[in-house]
């Protein structure tokens, strides 16, 4: 007899996680031979690129998945991963100047992230390297399981659009992760800033393409990986605004062979999790595609996925905006006004339609990430051509990403206002018609409230009957 489900609320950095905890769980896993069936039935050209990358310098590192440590004790006894250093707590203390408060880059339920420097003073012979060091709060919500998941996945996987794990520390009760330093911070930080002008249209498309490549690589790996927590705060940007996926604490091995999905307790961030996953706990690569659609929508509109500060019907961005994405005039009214004058309507409609498809309530109606990459690559070319044409024409409508200097704020603001006025005049012209739209979908209805959560994440893998 099953007991009544218990509910608990769990807060994670930059978001609210949710899951459903049940006392009795099915704990079996079907044994199958490795296969790429989950991601092998779509566009093949980018998938083949991923396959070539896996066999070259980009892909699986030297350690076999079969040797993956199951707990911290096994990790300590293992030889470790190639290209991943093991640090002492003293070295971590030196790298962060004794965890100085002014070195803090971010803080959340998992603990604190510090900026650090690895050099000769930390470890003799070490080349000077700027890093980000995440220290797990032993009293926080992220435990050894999520910490170990990050070590295992980032220790085995390597790709230009995944943040690099430089090393870790698991000395005594201390749990720290050392990443490459991403100078521009998170996408969330830049996307939602309100001071001065913001990310340009071309940078947003570049970031979307980079993030899509990261997901496509995970889904196309020899053992598919489901990221499960795709959101703006987990997309980090380097000095050149190249995007990389970070925080693999919730990542899961995907279905293999004849398996259609991974059955697991629901875990993720409210506003980003796919509706079928919230309702059933069935996790597939298409669940990540939905999360990508949410982030793409945020970049289009310059809004948060969930914003209680807006009118009630606009609290959930997907519920409010998705029905409007297939209408030219309605779409142009809701696009981020800070982007006015930077895009062609044709390209904006392509991106909006992509977001619309990724956010389909039917998982089979969503594209594969390999297909998303191919479309975004063509859109990137169009955006480059459009931007070049604007620059050659001398049009001042392109808003460059630059923080206003002292004394220039008023002048920059005037330029931004002029851009908005010009774009408003263009938008007032009749559109070229519109596509039919599906009726609005109430994805997180009252009957499937997403505010239920888990702490332990034991898995059963369901296969086709």
Protein backbone atom coordinates (compact mmCIF):
# COMPACT_ATOMS: atom_id res chain seq x y z
CA UNK A 1 0.00 0.00 0.00
CA UNK A 2 1.41 3.32 -1.01
CA UNK A 3 1.55 6.12 1.47
CA UNK A 4 0.32 9.59 0.59
CA UNK A 5 3.00 11.57 -1.33
CA UNK A 6 4.97 13.99 0.77
CA UNK A 7 5.71 17.40 -0.58
CA UNK A 8 8.78 19.48 0.11
CA UNK A 9 10.01 22.70 -1.32
CA UNK A 10 13.58 23.07 -2.45
CA UNK A 11 15.30 26.26 -3.48
CA UNK A 12 18.29 26.12 -5.79
CA UNK A 13 20.55 28.91 -7.06
CA UNK A 14 18.68 31.27 -9.42
CA UNK A 15 15.47 29.26 -9.39
CA UNK A 16 12.93 27.16 -7.54
CA UNK A 17 13.27 23.44 -8.05
CA UNK A 18 10.34 21.10 -7.81
CA UNK A 19 9.83 17.37 -7.55
CA UNK A 20 7.49 14.73 -6.20
CA UNK A 21 8.68 12.44 -3.41
CA UNK A 22 7.00 9.08 -2.84
CA UNK A 23 7.84 6.57 -0.12
CA UNK A 24 7.61 3.54 -2.39
CA UNK A 25 9.40 3.57 -5.74
CA UNK A 26 10.03 1.08 -8.45
CA UNK A 27 13.79 0.48 -8.53
CA UNK A 28 14.60 -1.53 -11.63
CA UNK A 29 16.61 -0.75 -14.72
CA UNK A 30 16.33 -2.51 -18.05
CA UNK A 31 19.66 -3.81 -19.38
CA UNK A 32 20.27 -3.00 -23.01
CA UNK A 33 23.15 -2.56 -25.39
CA UNK A 34 24.37 0.99 -26.03
CA UNK A 35 22.51 2.73 -28.83
CA UNK A 36 21.78 6.18 -30.17
CA UNK A 37 18.12 5.46 -30.91
CA UNK A 38 16.81 8.37 -28.89
CA UNK A 39 18.55 10.96 -31.03
CA UNK A 40 19.09 9.01 -34.22
CA UNK A 41 15.79 9.48 -35.98
CA UNK A 42 16.12 13.12 -36.97
CA UNK A 43 18.42 15.25 -39.05
CA UNK A 44 21.65 13.35 -39.62
CA UNK A 45 24.18 15.90 -40.80
CA UNK A 46 24.78 17.61 -37.43
CA UNK A 47 24.48 14.26 -35.61
CA UNK A 48 27.29 12.93 -37.79
CA UNK A 49 29.36 15.98 -36.84
CA UNK A 50 28.79 15.13 -33.18
CA UNK A 51 29.88 11.54 -33.83
CA UNK A 52 33.10 12.78 -35.42
CA UNK A 53 33.68 15.13 -32.50
CA UNK A 54 33.28 12.32 -29.96
CA UNK A 55 36.03 10.35 -31.71
CA UNK A 56 38.37 13.33 -31.80
CA UNK A 57 39.51 15.89 -29.24
CA UNK A 58 35.93 16.86 -28.48
CA UNK A 59 33.89 14.21 -26.74
CA UNK A 60 34.40 11.52 -24.15
CA UNK A 61 37.56 11.77 -22.08
CA UNK A 62 39.69 8.73 -21.38
CA UNK A 63 37.76 7.21 -18.47
CA UNK A 64 35.06 4.70 -19.29
CA UNK A 65 31.48 5.33 -18.22
CA UNK A 66 31.52 1.84 -16.68
CA UNK A 67 34.19 3.01 -14.20
CA UNK A 68 32.17 6.01 -13.03
CA UNK A 69 32.46 6.36 -9.23
CA UNK A 70 29.13 5.75 -7.48
CA UNK A 71 30.00 7.73 -4.36
CA UNK A 72 32.67 10.00 -2.93
CA UNK A 73 34.57 7.08 -1.36
CA UNK A 74 34.89 5.42 -4.77
CA UNK A 75 35.99 8.73 -6.26
CA UNK A 76 38.74 9.02 -3.66
CA UNK A 77 39.96 5.51 -4.41
CA UNK A 78 39.84 5.94 -8.18
CA UNK A 79 42.75 7.31 -10.23
CA UNK A 80 40.57 10.25 -11.20
CA UNK A 81 39.80 11.69 -14.63
CA UNK A 82 42.39 12.79 -17.15
CA UNK A 83 42.73 16.56 -17.49
CA UNK A 84 40.97 17.02 -14.13
CA UNK A 85 43.15 18.02 -11.18
CA UNK A 86 42.57 17.02 -7.57
CA UNK A 87 43.18 19.90 -5.16
CA UNK A 88 43.65 20.08 -1.42
CA UNK A 89 41.51 22.35 0.72
CA UNK A 90 44.60 24.41 1.56
CA UNK A 91 45.14 25.03 -2.18
CA UNK A 92 41.52 26.13 -2.54
CA UNK A 93 41.97 28.50 0.38
CA UNK A 94 45.05 30.03 -1.22
CA UNK A 95 43.38 30.31 -4.65
CA UNK A 96 40.51 32.35 -3.18
CA UNK A 97 42.71 34.41 -0.82
CA UNK A 98 41.09 32.65 2.13
CA UNK A 99 37.62 32.87 0.58
CA UNK A 100 37.56 36.64 0.58
CA UNK A 101 34.03 38.09 0.45
CA UNK A 102 34.93 40.42 -2.43
CA UNK A 103 35.85 37.34 -4.51
CA UNK A 104 32.28 36.03 -4.43
CA UNK A 105 30.74 35.65 -7.90
CA UNK A 106 27.42 34.16 -6.83
CA UNK A 107 25.59 32.53 -3.96
CA UNK A 108 22.65 30.16 -3.66
CA UNK A 109 21.22 27.08 -2.01
CA UNK A 110 24.23 24.98 -3.08
CA UNK A 111 26.76 27.34 -1.49
CA UNK A 112 29.04 30.06 -2.79
CA UNK A 113 31.01 30.56 -6.03
CA UNK A 114 34.30 32.43 -5.71
CA UNK A 115 36.66 33.83 -8.28
CA UNK A 116 40.08 32.29 -7.82
CA UNK A 117 43.57 32.20 -9.29
CA UNK A 118 45.68 29.08 -9.63
CA UNK A 119 49.37 29.88 -9.88
CA UNK A 120 52.81 29.12 -8.45
CA UNK A 121 51.74 30.30 -5.00
CA UNK A 122 48.95 27.70 -4.97
CA UNK A 123 50.80 24.78 -6.55
CA UNK A 124 54.42 24.96 -7.71
CA UNK A 125 54.70 24.76 -11.49
CA UNK A 126 51.03 25.60 -12.08
CA UNK A 127 50.45 28.02 -14.94
CA UNK A 128 48.50 31.10 -13.86
CA UNK A 129 44.81 30.43 -14.53
CA UNK A 130 41.68 32.36 -13.55
CA UNK A 131 39.02 30.00 -12.24
CA UNK A 132 35.59 29.88 -10.59
CA UNK A 133 35.47 27.79 -7.42
CA UNK A 134 32.15 26.49 -6.17
CA UNK A 135 32.10 25.42 -2.53
CA UNK A 136 29.25 23.15 -1.51
CA UNK A 137 27.38 24.30 1.58
CA UNK A 138 27.21 21.19 3.75
CA UNK A 139 23.98 22.47 5.26
CA UNK A 140 22.48 23.33 1.87
CA UNK A 141 20.23 21.46 -0.52
CA UNK A 142 22.82 20.19 -2.97
CA UNK A 143 24.38 17.06 -1.53
CA UNK A 144 27.12 14.64 -2.49
CA UNK A 145 24.97 13.12 -5.24
CA UNK A 146 24.67 16.32 -7.29
CA UNK A 147 28.27 17.30 -6.56
CA UNK A 148 29.47 13.89 -7.74
CA UNK A 149 27.24 14.09 -10.84
CA UNK A 150 29.07 17.25 -11.90
CA UNK A 151 32.46 15.62 -11.39
CA UNK A 152 31.46 12.50 -13.33
CA UNK A 153 29.80 14.20 -16.31
CA UNK A 154 32.27 17.04 -16.74
CA UNK A 155 35.12 14.67 -16.02
CA UNK A 156 34.08 12.47 -18.95
CA UNK A 157 32.65 14.97 -21.42
CA UNK A 158 34.47 17.70 -23.30
CA UNK A 159 32.96 20.17 -25.78
CA UNK A 160 33.49 23.88 -26.62
CA UNK A 161 29.97 24.64 -25.37
CA UNK A 162 30.26 22.85 -22.03
CA UNK A 163 32.04 24.64 -19.20
CA UNK A 164 35.37 22.98 -18.47
CA UNK A 165 35.93 21.29 -15.11
CA UNK A 166 39.53 22.04 -14.15
CA UNK A 167 39.50 20.12 -10.89
CA UNK A 168 37.81 19.34 -7.59
CA UNK A 169 38.44 18.94 -3.88
CA UNK A 170 36.79 16.27 -1.69
CA UNK A 171 39.05 16.43 1.34
CA UNK A 172 37.29 15.41 4.57
CA UNK A 173 33.88 17.10 4.59
CA UNK A 174 34.85 19.72 1.99
CA UNK A 175 33.32 19.55 -1.50
CA UNK A 176 34.57 22.06 -4.07
CA UNK A 177 34.52 22.25 -7.86
CA UNK A 178 36.98 24.28 -9.93
CA UNK A 179 35.74 25.53 -13.32
CA UNK A 180 37.18 27.67 -16.06
CA UNK A 181 36.41 31.32 -15.38
CA UNK A 182 33.63 32.76 -17.55
CA UNK A 183 34.35 36.48 -17.62
CA UNK A 184 30.92 37.72 -18.75
CA UNK A 185 28.87 35.80 -16.21
CA UNK A 186 25.46 34.27 -16.88
CA UNK A 187 23.01 34.89 -19.70
CA UNK A 188 20.41 35.76 -17.07
CA UNK A 189 22.55 38.61 -15.79
CA UNK A 190 22.83 40.25 -19.22
CA UNK A 191 19.40 39.43 -20.57
CA UNK A 192 17.50 41.01 -17.71
CA UNK A 193 19.71 44.04 -17.08
CA UNK A 194 17.88 47.37 -17.19
CA UNK A 195 20.78 49.83 -17.15
CA UNK A 196 21.75 51.17 -20.57
CA UNK A 197 21.31 49.03 -23.67
CA UNK A 198 21.38 45.25 -23.67
CA UNK A 199 22.52 42.19 -25.62
CA UNK A 200 22.26 42.78 -29.34
CA UNK A 201 20.13 40.60 -31.60
CA UNK A 202 23.21 39.02 -33.18
CA UNK A 203 24.71 38.16 -29.77
CA UNK A 204 21.45 36.54 -28.68
CA UNK A 205 21.38 34.36 -31.79
CA UNK A 206 25.04 33.46 -31.24
CA UNK A 207 24.31 32.45 -27.64
CA UNK A 208 21.27 30.42 -28.69
CA UNK A 209 23.35 28.55 -31.27
CA UNK A 210 26.17 27.87 -28.80
CA UNK A 211 23.76 26.55 -26.17
CA UNK A 212 21.96 24.42 -28.77
CA UNK A 213 25.26 22.86 -29.82
CA UNK A 214 25.99 21.99 -26.20
CA UNK A 215 22.64 20.21 -25.81
CA UNK A 216 22.96 18.48 -29.20
CA UNK A 217 26.35 17.13 -28.15
CA UNK A 218 24.93 15.74 -24.89
CA UNK A 219 21.98 14.11 -26.67
CA UNK A 220 24.22 12.62 -29.35
CA UNK A 221 26.86 11.16 -27.02
CA UNK A 222 27.52 7.41 -27.02
CA UNK A 223 25.48 7.27 -23.84
CA UNK A 224 22.95 10.11 -24.29
CA UNK A 225 22.88 12.65 -21.47
CA UNK A 226 19.77 14.64 -20.51
CA UNK A 227 20.77 17.99 -19.02
CA UNK A 228 17.44 18.52 -17.18
CA UNK A 229 18.07 22.05 -15.89
CA UNK A 230 18.40 24.25 -18.97
CA UNK A 231 17.83 27.88 -17.96
CA UNK A 232 19.41 31.30 -18.39
CA UNK A 233 21.34 31.21 -15.10
CA UNK A 234 23.07 27.97 -16.18
CA UNK A 235 24.30 29.42 -19.49
CA UNK A 236 27.63 31.13 -18.88
CA UNK A 237 29.40 33.55 -21.22
CA UNK A 238 33.10 34.10 -21.75
CA UNK A 239 34.75 37.41 -22.63
CA UNK A 240 33.70 37.04 -26.28
CA UNK A 241 30.13 36.02 -25.36
CA UNK A 242 30.62 32.40 -26.34
CA UNK A 243 28.06 30.40 -24.38
CA UNK A 244 28.69 27.24 -22.36
CA UNK A 245 26.40 25.03 -20.29
CA UNK A 246 27.24 24.78 -16.59
CA UNK A 247 25.86 23.05 -13.49
CA UNK A 248 25.42 19.35 -14.28
CA UNK A 249 24.08 18.44 -10.85
CA UNK A 250 20.71 17.34 -12.24
CA UNK A 251 21.99 15.68 -15.45
CA UNK A 252 20.91 12.08 -16.10
CA UNK A 253 21.90 9.28 -18.43
CA UNK A 254 19.28 9.11 -21.16
CA UNK A 255 17.34 6.07 -22.44
CA UNK A 256 19.25 3.41 -24.34
CA UNK A 257 18.31 0.76 -26.88
CA UNK A 258 14.57 0.02 -26.79
CA UNK A 259 13.98 2.30 -23.82
CA UNK A 260 11.66 5.18 -24.59
CA UNK A 261 12.34 7.27 -21.50
CA UNK A 262 13.94 7.41 -18.09
CA UNK A 263 11.43 7.30 -15.24
CA UNK A 264 12.59 9.46 -12.35
CA UNK A 265 11.30 11.71 -9.67
CA UNK A 266 10.61 15.13 -11.10
CA UNK A 267 13.32 17.71 -10.60
CA UNK A 268 14.03 20.97 -12.37
CA UNK A 269 13.19 24.66 -12.26
CA UNK A 270 9.65 26.00 -12.33
CA UNK A 271 8.85 27.57 -15.68
CA UNK A 272 11.45 25.54 -17.63
CA UNK A 273 10.43 21.90 -17.11
CA UNK A 274 8.47 20.12 -19.86
CA UNK A 275 4.79 19.54 -18.97
CA UNK A 276 4.85 15.78 -19.64
CA UNK A 277 7.87 15.41 -17.38
CA UNK A 278 6.15 17.32 -14.59
CA UNK A 279 3.04 15.16 -14.87
CA UNK A 280 4.59 11.71 -15.39
CA UNK A 281 8.26 11.82 -14.44
CA UNK A 282 9.12 10.46 -17.91
CA UNK A 283 12.36 12.09 -18.96
CA UNK A 284 13.61 12.20 -22.57
CA UNK A 285 15.88 14.40 -24.68
CA UNK A 286 12.74 16.25 -25.77
CA UNK A 287 12.40 17.50 -22.20
CA UNK A 288 15.59 19.49 -22.74
CA UNK A 289 14.20 20.80 -26.05
CA UNK A 290 11.28 22.31 -24.16
CA UNK A 291 13.65 24.06 -21.74
CA UNK A 292 15.59 25.39 -24.72
CA UNK A 293 12.34 26.78 -26.12
CA UNK A 294 11.69 28.63 -22.86
CA UNK A 295 15.14 30.23 -22.91
CA UNK A 296 14.77 31.15 -26.59
CA UNK A 297 11.45 32.81 -25.72
CA UNK A 298 13.12 34.74 -22.90
CA UNK A 299 15.77 36.00 -25.33
CA UNK A 300 13.12 37.04 -27.86
CA UNK A 301 10.98 38.93 -25.37
CA UNK A 302 13.55 40.01 -22.76
CA UNK A 303 11.35 38.62 -20.00
CA UNK A 304 11.68 36.05 -17.24
CA UNK A 305 10.10 32.62 -17.64
CA UNK A 306 8.09 33.33 -14.49
CA UNK A 307 7.45 36.88 -13.34
CA UNK A 308 4.92 37.46 -10.57
CA UNK A 309 5.42 41.21 -10.93
CA UNK A 310 3.50 41.29 -14.21
CA UNK A 311 -0.29 41.07 -14.73
CA UNK A 312 -1.66 37.68 -13.68
CA UNK A 313 -2.19 36.41 -17.22
CA UNK A 314 1.49 37.16 -18.00
CA UNK A 315 2.98 35.42 -14.94
CA UNK A 316 3.96 32.33 -16.94
CA UNK A 317 5.77 33.45 -20.08
CA UNK A 318 5.07 30.31 -22.12
CA UNK A 319 1.35 30.23 -21.39
CA UNK A 320 0.97 33.89 -22.31
CA UNK A 321 3.35 34.29 -25.24
CA UNK A 322 3.36 30.99 -27.17
CA UNK A 323 -0.09 31.52 -28.77
CA UNK A 324 1.18 34.88 -30.11
CA UNK A 325 4.36 33.59 -31.77
CA UNK A 326 2.71 32.65 -35.07
CA UNK A 327 1.12 36.07 -35.64
CA UNK A 328 3.35 38.69 -37.28
CA UNK A 329 1.72 41.78 -35.79
CA UNK A 330 1.23 40.29 -32.32
CA UNK A 331 4.78 38.97 -32.26
CA UNK A 332 6.28 42.35 -33.15
CA UNK A 333 4.35 43.96 -30.32
CA UNK A 334 5.80 41.63 -27.68
CA UNK A 335 9.43 41.36 -28.87
CA UNK A 336 12.01 42.95 -26.59
CA UNK A 337 11.75 46.69 -27.41
CA UNK A 338 15.49 47.06 -26.81
CA UNK A 339 16.05 45.07 -30.03
CA UNK A 340 14.13 47.43 -32.28
CA UNK A 341 15.88 48.14 -35.57
CA UNK A 342 18.32 45.23 -35.24
CA UNK A 343 16.42 42.39 -36.91
CA UNK A 344 14.47 41.66 -40.05
CA UNK A 345 10.85 40.61 -39.55
CA UNK A 346 11.49 37.48 -41.62
CA UNK A 347 14.32 36.33 -39.35
CA UNK A 348 12.42 37.21 -36.17
CA UNK A 349 9.51 35.09 -37.40
CA UNK A 350 11.87 32.16 -38.02
CA UNK A 351 13.24 32.34 -34.49
CA UNK A 352 9.75 32.73 -33.04
CA UNK A 353 8.50 29.73 -34.99
CA UNK A 354 11.44 27.68 -33.70
CA UNK A 355 10.55 28.62 -30.13
CA UNK A 356 6.91 27.74 -30.88
CA UNK A 357 7.88 24.25 -32.06
CA UNK A 358 10.25 23.62 -29.15
CA UNK A 359 7.44 24.53 -26.74
CA UNK A 360 4.94 22.07 -28.22
CA UNK A 361 2.96 20.34 -25.49
CA UNK A 362 3.37 17.11 -27.47
CA UNK A 363 7.00 15.94 -27.05
CA UNK A 364 6.99 14.33 -30.50
CA UNK A 365 6.08 17.70 -31.99
CA UNK A 366 9.38 19.20 -30.81
CA UNK A 367 12.45 19.13 -33.05
CA UNK A 368 15.67 17.33 -32.18
CA UNK A 369 18.48 19.56 -30.95
CA UNK A 370 20.53 18.58 -34.01
CA UNK A 371 17.74 20.07 -36.15
CA UNK A 372 17.65 23.18 -33.95
CA UNK A 373 21.38 23.66 -34.49
CA UNK A 374 21.06 23.44 -38.27
CA UNK A 375 18.25 26.00 -38.35
CA UNK A 376 20.10 28.40 -36.06
CA UNK A 377 23.20 28.11 -38.22
CA UNK A 378 21.24 29.34 -41.25
CA UNK A 379 19.64 32.09 -39.15
CA UNK A 380 23.10 33.17 -37.95
CA UNK A 381 24.17 33.68 -41.56
CA UNK A 382 21.03 35.75 -42.25
CA UNK A 383 21.60 37.86 -39.15
CA UNK A 384 25.19 38.54 -40.18
CA UNK A 385 24.12 39.62 -43.67
CA UNK A 386 21.39 41.87 -42.28
CA UNK A 387 23.74 43.48 -39.77
CA UNK A 388 26.37 44.09 -42.45
CA UNK A 389 23.78 45.68 -44.71
CA UNK A 390 22.70 48.03 -41.93
CA UNK A 391 26.27 49.04 -41.18
CA UNK A 392 27.02 49.68 -44.85
CA UNK A 393 23.90 51.81 -45.21
CA UNK A 394 24.98 53.97 -42.29
CA UNK A 395 21.79 53.24 -40.35
CA UNK A 396 22.33 53.99 -36.67
CA UNK A 397 19.64 51.58 -35.55
CA UNK A 398 22.07 48.89 -34.42
CA UNK A 399 22.52 49.12 -30.67
CA UNK A 400 25.96 47.90 -29.69
CA UNK A 401 26.43 46.12 -26.37
CA UNK A 402 28.31 48.70 -24.34
CA UNK A 403 27.87 50.03 -20.85
CA UNK A 404 27.37 53.81 -20.92
CA UNK A 405 30.42 55.81 -19.91
CA UNK A 406 30.17 58.71 -17.46
CA UNK A 407 28.61 61.69 -19.19
CA UNK A 408 27.37 59.60 -22.13
CA UNK A 409 24.33 58.00 -20.50
CA UNK A 410 21.96 60.73 -21.69
CA UNK A 411 23.31 60.63 -25.25
CA UNK A 412 23.08 56.82 -25.38
CA UNK A 413 19.56 56.92 -24.03
CA UNK A 414 18.58 59.41 -26.72
CA UNK A 415 19.98 57.11 -29.40
CA UNK A 416 18.06 54.15 -27.96
CA UNK A 417 14.85 56.21 -27.90
CA UNK A 418 15.40 57.20 -31.55
CA UNK A 419 15.85 53.54 -32.46
CA UNK A 420 12.58 52.67 -30.79
CA UNK A 421 10.73 55.42 -32.64
CA UNK A 422 12.12 54.30 -36.01
CA UNK A 423 11.25 50.70 -35.38
CA UNK A 424 7.77 51.64 -34.17
CA UNK A 425 7.13 53.36 -37.50
CA UNK A 426 8.28 50.26 -39.39
CA UNK A 427 6.12 48.00 -37.24
CA UNK A 428 3.03 50.11 -37.93
CA UNK A 429 3.10 49.01 -41.58
CA UNK A 430 0.74 46.16 -42.54
CA UNK A 431 2.22 42.66 -42.12
CA UNK A 432 2.47 39.98 -44.77
CA UNK A 433 -0.29 37.92 -43.28
CA UNK A 434 -0.10 35.48 -40.42
CA UNK A 435 -0.07 31.80 -39.74
CA UNK A 436 -2.77 30.04 -37.85
CA UNK A 437 -1.97 29.50 -34.21
CA UNK A 438 -2.85 26.71 -31.85
CA UNK A 439 -5.19 27.67 -29.01
CA UNK A 440 -3.45 28.81 -25.84
CA UNK A 441 -2.24 25.91 -23.74
CA UNK A 442 -2.53 25.80 -19.95
CA UNK A 443 0.59 23.67 -19.47
CA UNK A 444 0.88 23.97 -15.69
CA UNK A 445 -2.79 23.70 -14.85
CA UNK A 446 -4.15 23.44 -11.36
CA UNK A 447 -4.33 19.68 -11.74
CA UNK A 448 -0.61 19.38 -12.40
CA UNK A 449 0.93 21.90 -10.06
CA UNK A 450 4.72 21.86 -10.41
CA UNK A 451 5.49 22.81 -6.82
CA UNK A 452 6.20 19.25 -5.67
CA UNK A 453 9.78 18.08 -5.19
CA UNK A 454 12.34 15.39 -4.35
CA UNK A 455 15.64 15.21 -2.61
CA UNK A 456 16.61 11.64 -3.50
CA UNK A 457 16.56 10.77 -7.16
CA UNK A 458 16.43 7.02 -7.66
CA UNK A 459 15.67 5.94 -11.21
CA UNK A 460 13.79 3.23 -12.99
CA UNK A 461 14.12 2.95 -16.74
CA UNK A 462 10.99 2.01 -18.67
CA UNK A 463 11.22 0.13 -21.97
CA UNK A 464 8.80 -0.33 -24.81
CA UNK A 465 6.25 -3.04 -24.18
